Each structure stands twice: as C-alpha cells, then as structure tokens.
Amino acid sequence: MGGLVHSQRVLLALTQAGVSREDAYRLVQRNAMKVWESDGALSLLDLLKQDADVTAALSAEEIEAKFDLDY
C-alpha cells in the first residue's frame, strides 16, 4: 500500500504544527493519490519528504516518526 495507512498520523501532525486542517488534508491527499495511482509502487514517506510544502511544517525526522509501526 506504499505507506498509505500512515496518512492520518501525518495529517494530524501537520495540523499540530500549525497547518490548517484543509491545507493539511490537501497536502497529504495529493501525495497519497500519487501512491494510490501507482498501485503502491511509490512510497508515501518518500513523497512527503520531497514535498516542500510538507517539509516547511515537519522535518524529515518528524515525518519518519509518523511511519513507525511500533506506534
């Protein structure tokens, strides 16, 4: 699934970092759709870390923490 299961945690982290709910949804959705359309060939984690709008609010380490399966 390319990490799509973690999208909600990233969305919440963005809102906690001060991004509006609507903008956070838009940022996560546009990257999640790329993963979905690639049938999981793309990685949500990689796309989010490459998205300047996402990394303006969250560091790479903060994004990676949202993909921790031990959560």
C-alpha atoms as a PDB file:
ATOM      1  CA  MET A   1       0.000   0.000   0.000  1.00  0.00           C
ATOM      2  CA  GLY A   2       3.000   2.319  -0.137  1.00  0.00           C
ATOM      3  CA  GLY A   3       2.528   3.585   3.408  1.00  0.00           C
ATOM      4  CA  LEU A   4      -0.982   4.957   2.934  1.00  0.00           C
ATOM      5  CA  VAL A   5      -2.016   3.558   6.304  1.00  0.00           C
ATOM      6  CA  HIS A   6       0.096   6.285   7.955  1.00  0.00           C
ATOM      7  CA  SER A   7      -1.571   9.220   6.210  1.00  0.00           C
ATOM      8  CA  GLN A   8      -3.877  10.062   9.137  1.00  0.00           C
ATOM      9  CA  ARG A   9      -0.959  10.419  11.553  1.00  0.00           C
ATOM     10  CA  VAL A  10       0.807  12.762   9.118  1.00  0.00           C
ATOM     11  CA  LEU A  11      -2.379  14.783   8.706  1.00  0.00           C
ATOM     12  CA  LEU A  12      -2.688  15.208  12.469  1.00  0.00           C
ATOM     13  CA  ALA A  13       1.000  16.117  12.812  1.00  0.00           C
ATOM     14  CA  LEU A  14       0.603  18.814  10.178  1.00  0.00           C
ATOM     15  CA  THR A  15      -2.366  20.330  11.997  1.00  0.00           C
ATOM     16  CA  GLN A  16      -0.442  20.211  15.284  1.00  0.00           C
ATOM     17  CA  ALA A  17       2.393  22.049  13.515  1.00  0.00           C
ATOM     18  CA  GLY A  18       0.002  24.887  12.661  1.00  0.00           C
ATOM     19  CA  VAL A  19      -1.188  23.913   9.190  1.00  0.00           C
ATOM     20  CA  SER A  20      -4.929  24.374   8.737  1.00  0.00           C
ATOM     21  CA  ARG A  21      -6.999  21.190   8.559  1.00  0.00           C
ATOM     22  CA  GLU A  22      -7.957  21.941   4.959  1.00  0.00           C
ATOM     23  CA  ASP A  23      -4.376  22.563   3.847  1.00  0.00           C
ATOM     24  CA  ALA A  24      -3.068  19.529   5.743  1.00  0.00           C
ATOM     25  CA  TYR A  25      -5.677  17.358   4.043  1.00  0.00           C
ATOM     26  CA  ARG A  26      -4.750  18.773   0.636  1.00  0.00           C
ATOM     27  CA  LEU A  27      -1.033  18.140   1.203  1.00  0.00           C
ATOM     28  CA  VAL A  28      -1.488  14.566   2.364  1.00  0.00           C
ATOM     29  CA  GLN A  29      -4.146  13.800  -0.250  1.00  0.00           C
ATOM     30  CA  ARG A  30      -2.092  14.959  -3.227  1.00  0.00           C
ATOM     31  CA  ASN A  31       0.786  12.696  -2.190  1.00  0.00           C
ATOM     32  CA  ALA A  32      -1.457   9.788  -1.204  1.00  0.00           C
ATOM     33  CA  MET A  33      -3.156   9.888  -4.598  1.00  0.00           C
ATOM     34  CA  LYS A  34       0.204   9.516  -6.340  1.00  0.00           C
ATOM     35  CA  VAL A  35       0.835   6.379  -4.274  1.00  0.00           C
ATOM     36  CA  TRP A  36      -2.674   5.054  -4.917  1.00  0.00           C
ATOM     37  CA  GLU A  37      -2.429   5.643  -8.665  1.00  0.00           C
ATOM     38  CA  SER A  38       0.950   3.871  -8.746  1.00  0.00           C
ATOM     39  CA  ASP A  39      -0.582   0.786  -7.050  1.00  0.00           C
ATOM     40  CA  GLY A  40       1.864   1.219  -4.189  1.00  0.00           C
ATOM     41  CA  ALA A  41       4.960   1.432  -6.376  1.00  0.00           C
ATOM     42  CA  LEU A  42       5.626   4.872  -4.905  1.00  0.00           C
ATOM     43  CA  SER A  43       6.234   5.456  -1.213  1.00  0.00           C
ATOM     44  CA  LEU A  44       4.136   7.970   0.715  1.00  0.00           C
ATOM     45  CA  LEU A  45       7.048   8.528   3.078  1.00  0.00           C
ATOM     46  CA  ASP A  46       9.400   9.412   0.231  1.00  0.00           C
ATOM     47  CA  LEU A  47       6.878  11.678  -1.459  1.00  0.00           C
ATOM     48  CA  LEU A  48       6.103  13.570   1.744  1.00  0.00           C
ATOM     49  CA  LYS A  49       9.803  14.086   2.481  1.00  0.00           C
ATOM     50  CA  GLN A  50      10.221  15.512  -1.050  1.00  0.00           C
ATOM     51  CA  ASP A  51       7.203  17.837  -0.784  1.00  0.00           C
ATOM     52  CA  ALA A  52       8.443  21.339   0.095  1.00  0.00           C
ATOM     53  CA  ASP A  53       5.031  22.309   1.499  1.00  0.00           C
ATOM     54  CA  VAL A  54       5.107  19.374   3.918  1.00  0.00           C
ATOM     55  CA  THR A  55       8.724  19.849   4.936  1.00  0.00           C
ATOM     56  CA  ALA A  56       8.039  23.526   5.636  1.00  0.00           C
ATOM     57  CA  ALA A  57       5.942  22.293   8.586  1.00  0.00           C
ATOM     58  CA  LEU A  58       7.579  18.966   9.520  1.00  0.00           C
ATOM     59  CA  SER A  59      11.183  17.805   9.449  1.00  0.00           C
ATOM     60  CA  ALA A  60      12.130  14.582   7.719  1.00  0.00           C
ATOM     61  CA  GLU A  61      12.599  13.011  11.151  1.00  0.00           C
ATOM     62  CA  GLU A  62       9.113  14.091  12.252  1.00  0.00           C
ATOM     63  CA  ILE A  63       7.600  12.644   9.092  1.00  0.00           C
ATOM     64  CA  GLU A  64       9.501   9.371   9.506  1.00  0.00           C
ATOM     65  CA  ALA A  65       8.285   9.108  13.114  1.00  0.00           C
ATOM     66  CA  LYS A  66       4.699   9.006  11.840  1.00  0.00           C
ATOM     67  CA  PHE A  67       5.535   5.837   9.895  1.00  0.00           C
ATOM     68  CA  ASP A  68       6.730   3.937  12.979  1.00  0.00           C
ATOM     69  CA  LEU A  69       4.937   0.596  13.054  1.00  0.00           C
ATOM     70  CA  ASP A  70       5.517   0.320  16.820  1.00  0.00           C
ATOM     71  CA  TYR A  71       3.163   3.267  17.448  1.00  0.00           C
END
